[in-house]
Amino acid sequence: MSYRVAVVGATGAVGREILKTLAQRNFPVREVAALASGRSAGQEVSFGEDKVLKVQNLESFDFSGWDIGLFSPGASVSAIHAPRAAAQGCVVIDNTSQFRMEPDVPLVVPEVNPQDLAKFAKRNIIANPNCSTIQMVVALKPLHDRFRLKRVVVSTYQSVSGAGKEGMDELYHNTKISFVNEKARPQVFPKDIAFNVIPQIDVFMDDGATKEEWKMMVETAKILDPAVKVVATCVRVPVFVGHSEAVFAEFETPVSVKEARAALAKAPGVVVEDQRVPGGYITPIDCVGEDATFISRLRRDPTVENGLAFWCVSDNLRKGAALNAVQIAEALVARKLLRQAA
């Protein structure tokens, strides 16, 4: 069987990565539509090595007869068009924050909670989690299954591609002008991102946390276990692609580094690269274009009982967005949850 797939937000960084990922993983596509706003209609985007798609206007697109919609256009656009597509029979996999915490919309990472996919039928919408949450729960799932997770303290080091093409452009521009002693004027970020780190991603909330930090807390509870407590500090760093996280996890039962390493090494989507020598770990540059979540610097946390610390790195445009969405579509096919296609 093959499927008609609509990619919404096809001209953005994530949309382009979705098209690339669909082709690379040989998803059973019968037809692909590239959709974006009216101002992008008529542009061309690549699908695979030798196919070019002409971008169509999302506003006037009829989703009737389309099987899957992979959405990454921004939350406000998804709020309008994802329910419209879902009502026309297209199963929506939405990469924005719009539907993540709605109780009747499953929030899914296929390596962690694929069983939740069965809950999508009420709304015909499945939410893709936040990029920083995805890589963390992929790493924590095998440890939680084995040792029962109690609490997580995480600091993230998130690349500018998490803010889209505009964020990448701002890092490039501000870095370039710094060499000629010109003053940068931040527009995408609250402060100059060149040669700097910014301890704010998204808006501040009443308790002093940012919305990005709140997302990691509530999304982990919904995906992994509502009993797990999470506190996060999310930081934007001058890296183009690849999110990194320093994770400190506390468990209910005793855990050794050797046992943790063995559990992680067997886990789907995880690669352990942890050599205790200079350079024996993964950095953002190393993970670009890779599908895995990489674990390094695995060690005991001596400040709590049953504690572990580790370094976690993943390509935020792939596993943090496009790949996870495509894997959800693959899981729907494998579990025979889609309507019969041609």
Protein backbone atom coordinates (compact mmCIF):
# COMPACT_ATOMS: atom_id res chain seq x y z
CA MET A 1 0.00 0.00 0.00
CA SER A 2 1.06 3.58 -0.55
CA TYR A 3 -0.17 6.88 0.81
CA ARG A 4 -0.87 10.45 -0.22
CA VAL A 5 1.14 12.72 2.05
CA ALA A 6 0.83 16.50 2.43
CA VAL A 7 3.78 18.38 3.94
CA VAL A 8 2.63 21.69 5.43
CA GLY A 9 5.28 24.36 5.96
CA ALA A 10 7.33 22.79 3.18
CA THR A 11 9.55 25.83 2.59
CA GLY A 12 10.74 26.03 6.21
CA ALA A 13 13.75 24.28 7.71
CA VAL A 14 11.68 21.50 9.28
CA GLY A 15 9.41 21.11 6.25
CA ARG A 16 12.39 20.64 3.96
CA GLU A 17 13.85 18.13 6.41
CA ILE A 18 10.55 16.22 6.45
CA LEU A 19 10.60 15.92 2.66
CA LYS A 20 14.22 14.77 2.81
CA THR A 21 13.47 12.24 5.55
CA LEU A 22 10.43 10.78 3.76
CA ALA A 23 12.61 10.12 0.72
CA GLN A 24 15.59 8.77 2.65
CA ARG A 25 13.48 6.31 4.64
CA ASN A 26 11.51 5.18 1.56
CA PHE A 27 8.18 5.92 3.17
CA PRO A 28 5.45 4.33 1.00
CA VAL A 29 4.38 7.52 -0.76
CA ARG A 30 2.03 7.49 -3.72
CA GLU A 31 1.83 11.26 -3.99
CA VAL A 32 3.39 14.17 -2.08
CA ALA A 33 2.06 17.71 -1.86
CA ALA A 34 4.26 20.57 -0.65
CA LEU A 35 2.14 23.27 1.03
CA ALA A 36 2.95 26.70 2.42
CA SER A 37 1.51 30.19 2.65
CA GLY A 38 0.29 32.06 -0.40
CA ARG A 39 3.49 34.11 -0.60
CA SER A 40 5.51 30.89 -1.02
CA ALA A 41 3.15 29.31 -3.55
CA GLY A 42 4.92 28.56 -6.81
CA GLN A 43 8.33 28.06 -5.25
CA GLU A 44 10.07 24.73 -5.76
CA VAL A 45 11.33 22.32 -3.11
CA SER A 46 13.23 19.07 -3.45
CA PHE A 47 11.84 15.63 -2.69
CA GLY A 48 14.52 13.00 -2.83
CA GLU A 49 17.48 13.28 -5.16
CA ASP A 50 15.70 13.87 -8.45
CA LYS A 51 12.18 15.13 -7.81
CA VAL A 52 11.09 18.75 -7.49
CA LEU A 53 7.72 19.77 -6.09
CA LYS A 54 5.94 23.03 -6.78
CA VAL A 55 4.65 24.58 -3.56
CA GLN A 56 0.86 24.90 -3.34
CA ASN A 57 -1.18 27.41 -1.34
CA LEU A 58 -2.25 25.94 2.00
CA GLU A 59 -5.22 28.30 2.25
CA SER A 60 -7.01 26.80 -0.75
CA PHE A 61 -5.77 23.20 -0.52
CA ASP A 62 -8.39 20.46 -0.26
CA PHE A 63 -7.24 17.66 2.08
CA SER A 64 -10.00 15.29 1.01
CA GLY A 65 -8.45 12.02 -0.16
CA TRP A 66 -5.09 12.72 1.49
CA ASP A 67 -3.97 10.18 4.07
CA ILE A 68 -1.35 11.97 6.16
CA GLY A 69 -0.58 15.63 6.83
CA LEU A 70 2.85 16.42 8.27
CA PHE A 71 2.48 19.93 9.68
CA SER A 72 5.26 22.37 10.68
CA PRO A 73 3.93 25.83 9.72
CA GLY A 74 3.81 27.51 13.14
CA ALA A 75 1.23 27.09 15.91
CA SER A 76 -1.18 29.80 14.76
CA VAL A 77 -1.38 28.31 11.27
CA SER A 78 -1.79 24.77 12.57
CA ALA A 79 -4.60 25.99 14.83
CA ILE A 80 -6.59 26.87 11.71
CA HIS A 81 -5.61 24.27 9.13
CA ALA A 82 -4.83 21.11 11.15
CA PRO A 83 -8.47 20.70 12.32
CA ARG A 84 -9.64 21.47 8.78
CA ALA A 85 -7.40 18.72 7.36
CA ALA A 86 -8.41 16.31 10.13
CA ALA A 87 -12.10 16.94 9.45
CA GLN A 88 -11.52 16.05 5.78
CA GLY A 89 -10.13 12.64 6.76
CA CYS A 90 -6.40 13.41 6.70
CA VAL A 91 -4.49 12.19 9.76
CA VAL A 92 -2.51 15.18 11.01
CA ILE A 93 0.92 14.82 12.64
CA ASP A 94 1.56 18.31 13.97
CA ASN A 95 5.03 19.52 14.84
CA THR A 96 3.93 22.78 16.50
CA SER A 97 3.03 23.41 20.13
CA GLN A 98 -0.64 23.99 19.32
CA PHE A 99 -2.13 20.62 20.36
CA ARG A 100 0.51 19.02 22.56
CA MET A 101 -1.18 19.41 25.91
CA GLU A 102 -4.75 18.84 24.78
CA PRO A 103 -5.95 15.72 26.62
CA ASP A 104 -7.57 14.07 23.59
CA VAL A 105 -4.50 14.53 21.35
CA PRO A 106 -1.72 11.94 21.82
CA LEU A 107 1.81 13.31 22.23
CA VAL A 108 4.09 10.64 20.83
CA VAL A 109 7.73 9.62 20.61
CA PRO A 110 7.64 6.21 18.89
CA GLU A 111 10.54 4.75 20.91
CA VAL A 112 8.81 5.77 24.15
CA ASN A 113 4.98 5.63 23.97
CA PRO A 114 3.81 4.18 20.63
CA GLN A 115 0.78 2.69 22.39
CA ASP A 116 -0.68 6.20 22.68
CA LEU A 117 -1.13 6.36 18.91
CA ALA A 118 -4.36 4.42 19.29
CA LYS A 119 -5.92 7.51 20.91
CA PHE A 120 -5.69 9.72 17.82
CA ALA A 121 -9.03 8.83 16.26
CA LYS A 122 -11.15 11.27 18.30
CA ARG A 123 -9.46 14.35 16.81
CA ASN A 124 -7.52 12.77 13.92
CA ILE A 125 -4.50 14.72 15.21
CA ILE A 126 -1.21 13.49 16.73
CA ALA A 127 1.20 15.97 18.29
CA ASN A 128 4.96 15.89 17.86
CA PRO A 129 6.71 16.93 21.11
CA ASN A 130 9.16 19.76 21.60
CA CYS A 131 12.64 19.02 20.24
CA SER A 132 14.39 19.23 23.60
CA THR A 133 11.82 16.93 25.20
CA ILE A 134 12.10 14.28 22.47
CA GLN A 135 15.79 13.55 22.84
CA MET A 136 15.59 13.56 26.64
CA VAL A 137 12.71 11.06 26.88
CA VAL A 138 14.35 8.78 24.29
CA ALA A 139 17.36 8.66 26.61
CA LEU A 140 15.35 8.34 29.83
CA LYS A 141 12.87 5.67 28.70
CA PRO A 142 15.16 2.61 29.01
CA LEU A 143 16.46 3.90 32.34
CA HIS A 144 12.95 4.55 33.64
CA ASP A 145 11.84 1.05 32.63
CA ARG A 146 14.75 -0.49 34.51
CA PHE A 147 15.25 1.75 37.57
CA ARG A 148 12.04 3.89 37.89
CA LEU A 149 12.79 7.55 37.43
CA LYS A 150 11.90 10.00 40.21
CA ARG A 151 13.38 13.37 39.28
CA VAL A 152 15.29 15.03 36.45
CA VAL A 153 17.38 18.19 36.50
CA VAL A 154 18.35 19.22 32.97
CA SER A 155 20.22 22.11 31.40
CA THR A 156 19.84 22.42 27.64
CA TYR A 157 22.20 23.99 25.11
CA GLN A 158 19.91 24.55 22.13
CA SER A 159 20.98 25.50 18.62
CA VAL A 160 19.62 28.50 16.75
CA SER A 161 17.87 26.30 14.18
CA GLY A 162 15.29 25.72 16.89
CA ALA A 163 14.18 29.27 16.07
CA GLY A 164 13.95 28.47 12.35
CA LYS A 165 15.77 29.87 9.37
CA GLU A 166 15.57 33.37 10.83
CA GLY A 167 17.52 32.26 13.88
CA MET A 168 20.22 30.68 11.75
CA ASP A 169 20.45 33.81 9.62
CA GLU A 170 20.81 36.00 12.70
CA LEU A 171 23.69 33.92 14.08
CA TYR A 172 25.46 34.04 10.71
CA HIS A 173 24.92 37.79 10.28
CA ASN A 174 25.84 38.78 13.84
CA THR A 175 28.97 36.62 13.81
CA LYS A 176 30.08 38.12 10.53
CA ILE A 177 29.63 41.75 11.56
CA SER A 178 31.38 41.19 14.89
CA PHE A 179 34.65 40.80 12.97
CA VAL A 180 34.36 44.35 11.62
CA ASN A 181 33.47 45.80 15.04
CA GLU A 182 29.88 46.59 14.12
CA LYS A 183 27.18 46.49 16.76
CA ALA A 184 24.68 43.67 16.34
CA ARG A 185 20.97 44.45 16.55
CA PRO A 186 19.17 41.32 17.75
CA GLN A 187 15.76 40.72 16.20
CA VAL A 188 15.05 37.01 16.60
CA PHE A 189 16.75 36.58 19.98
CA PRO A 190 16.51 38.85 23.05
CA LYS A 191 20.28 39.42 23.06
CA ASP A 192 23.15 39.07 20.58
CA ILE A 193 23.63 35.34 19.94
CA ALA A 194 27.11 35.60 18.37
CA PHE A 195 29.78 34.39 20.83
CA ASN A 196 27.16 34.39 23.56
CA VAL A 197 24.68 32.17 25.39
CA ILE A 198 21.14 33.30 26.20
CA PRO A 199 19.33 31.74 29.19
CA GLN A 200 15.90 32.36 27.71
CA ILE A 201 13.96 30.34 25.13
CA ASP A 202 10.35 31.44 24.60
CA VAL A 203 8.52 33.79 26.98
CA PHE A 204 8.74 33.99 30.77
CA MET A 205 5.95 32.54 32.88
CA ASP A 206 4.68 33.70 36.28
CA ASP A 207 6.94 31.37 38.26
CA GLY A 208 10.10 32.59 36.51
CA ALA A 209 10.47 29.59 34.21
CA THR A 210 10.37 30.10 30.48
CA LYS A 211 7.74 28.40 28.36
CA GLU A 212 10.41 26.11 26.86
CA GLU A 213 11.30 24.92 30.35
CA TRP A 214 7.62 24.41 31.17
CA LYS A 215 7.21 22.37 27.98
CA MET A 216 9.96 19.97 29.04
CA MET A 217 8.25 19.45 32.39
CA VAL A 218 4.67 18.89 31.23
CA GLU A 219 5.53 17.02 28.02
CA THR A 220 7.77 14.56 29.88
CA ALA A 221 4.91 13.88 32.28
CA LYS A 222 2.47 13.25 29.43
CA ILE A 223 4.83 11.06 27.39
CA LEU A 224 6.85 9.19 30.00
CA ASP A 225 5.19 9.25 33.42
CA PRO A 226 3.19 11.92 35.30
CA ALA A 227 5.00 10.98 38.53
CA VAL A 228 8.40 12.11 37.20
CA LYS A 229 9.43 15.58 38.39
CA VAL A 230 11.43 17.75 35.97
CA VAL A 231 13.20 21.08 36.37
CA ALA A 232 14.91 22.59 33.35
CA THR A 233 17.09 25.54 32.40
CA CYS A 234 16.96 26.08 28.64
CA VAL A 235 19.76 28.05 26.99
CA ARG A 236 20.22 29.19 23.40
CA VAL A 237 23.82 28.77 22.20
CA PRO A 238 25.67 29.90 19.04
CA VAL A 239 25.41 26.53 17.28
CA PHE A 240 23.58 26.15 13.97
CA VAL A 241 22.18 22.61 14.36
CA GLY A 242 22.11 20.12 17.22
CA HIS A 243 20.74 20.37 20.76
CA SER A 244 22.76 19.23 23.77
CA GLU A 245 21.57 18.50 27.28
CA ALA A 246 23.26 17.90 30.62
CA VAL A 247 20.91 15.51 32.41
CA PHE A 248 20.92 14.60 36.11
CA ALA A 249 18.49 11.79 36.87
CA GLU A 250 17.45 10.34 40.23
CA PHE A 251 15.90 6.87 40.43
CA GLU A 252 13.85 4.89 42.93
CA THR A 253 16.10 1.82 42.83
CA PRO A 254 19.88 1.49 42.92
CA VAL A 255 21.59 2.02 39.56
CA SER A 256 25.15 1.48 38.47
CA VAL A 257 26.88 3.08 35.51
CA LYS A 258 27.49 -0.38 34.06
CA GLU A 259 23.78 -1.32 34.26
CA ALA A 260 22.71 2.03 32.83
CA ARG A 261 25.15 1.73 29.96
CA ALA A 262 23.83 -1.74 29.13
CA ALA A 263 20.19 -0.55 29.19
CA LEU A 264 20.97 2.43 26.96
CA ALA A 265 23.03 0.37 24.51
CA LYS A 266 20.00 -1.88 23.83
CA ALA A 267 17.48 0.96 23.52
CA PRO A 268 15.99 1.90 20.13
CA GLY A 269 17.16 5.24 18.79
CA VAL A 270 20.04 5.51 21.28
CA VAL A 271 23.77 5.37 20.58
CA VAL A 272 26.23 5.35 23.49
CA GLU A 273 29.52 7.03 22.59
CA ASP A 274 31.31 7.40 25.90
CA GLN A 275 35.06 7.04 25.95
CA ARG A 276 36.77 8.66 28.89
CA VAL A 277 39.49 10.26 26.82
CA PRO A 278 39.75 13.74 25.27
CA GLY A 279 37.19 13.92 22.47
CA GLY A 280 35.56 10.64 23.41
CA TYR A 281 32.06 12.11 23.40
CA ILE A 282 29.54 13.50 20.92
CA THR A 283 29.11 17.20 20.21
CA PRO A 284 26.46 18.98 18.11
CA ILE A 285 28.67 19.02 15.00
CA ASP A 286 29.03 15.23 15.25
CA CYS A 287 25.26 14.61 15.32
CA VAL A 288 24.16 16.70 12.33
CA GLY A 289 22.32 14.54 9.80
CA GLU A 290 22.18 11.59 12.19
CA ASP A 291 18.97 9.93 13.38
CA ALA A 292 20.13 8.80 16.82
CA THR A 293 20.10 10.36 20.25
CA PHE A 294 23.69 10.14 21.46
CA ILE A 295 24.69 9.56 25.09
CA SER A 296 28.12 10.48 26.45
CA ARG A 297 29.74 11.37 29.79
CA LEU A 298 27.71 8.72 31.65
CA ARG A 299 28.64 8.76 35.34
CA ARG A 300 27.29 8.49 38.85
CA ASP A 301 25.77 11.56 40.50
CA PRO A 302 27.11 11.43 44.07
CA THR A 303 24.85 14.23 45.37
CA VAL A 304 21.70 12.08 45.46
CA GLU A 305 20.89 8.47 46.20
CA ASN A 306 20.54 6.42 43.01
CA GLY A 307 21.68 9.25 40.74
CA LEU A 308 23.14 9.34 37.23
CA ALA A 309 24.52 12.16 35.11
CA PHE A 310 24.98 12.12 31.34
CA TRP A 311 25.39 14.26 28.23
CA CYS A 312 22.72 13.91 25.53
CA VAL A 313 23.01 15.23 21.95
CA SER A 314 20.68 15.02 18.95
CA ASP A 315 20.00 16.75 15.62
CA ASN A 316 17.00 18.89 16.50
CA LEU A 317 15.85 19.21 12.89
CA ARG A 318 15.82 15.43 12.46
CA LYS A 319 14.95 13.49 15.62
CA GLY A 320 13.75 16.68 17.28
CA ALA A 321 11.26 17.39 14.50
CA ALA A 322 11.18 15.81 11.03
CA LEU A 323 12.32 12.28 11.82
CA ASN A 324 10.02 11.89 14.82
CA ALA A 325 7.07 13.00 12.69
CA VAL A 326 7.93 10.52 9.93
CA GLN A 327 8.47 7.76 12.51
CA ILE A 328 4.96 8.46 13.84
CA ALA A 329 3.64 8.00 10.30
CA GLU A 330 5.62 4.77 9.97
CA ALA A 331 4.19 3.52 13.26
CA LEU A 332 0.65 4.28 12.09
CA VAL A 333 1.31 2.16 9.00
CA ALA A 334 2.96 -0.66 10.96
CA ARG A 335 0.09 -0.78 13.46
CA LYS A 336 -2.52 -0.63 10.69
CA LEU A 337 -4.10 2.47 12.19
CA LEU A 338 -4.55 4.31 8.89
CA ARG A 339 -7.52 3.82 6.62
CA GLN A 340 -6.89 1.44 3.75
CA ALA A 341 -4.83 3.15 1.07
CA ALA A 342 -4.29 2.24 -2.54
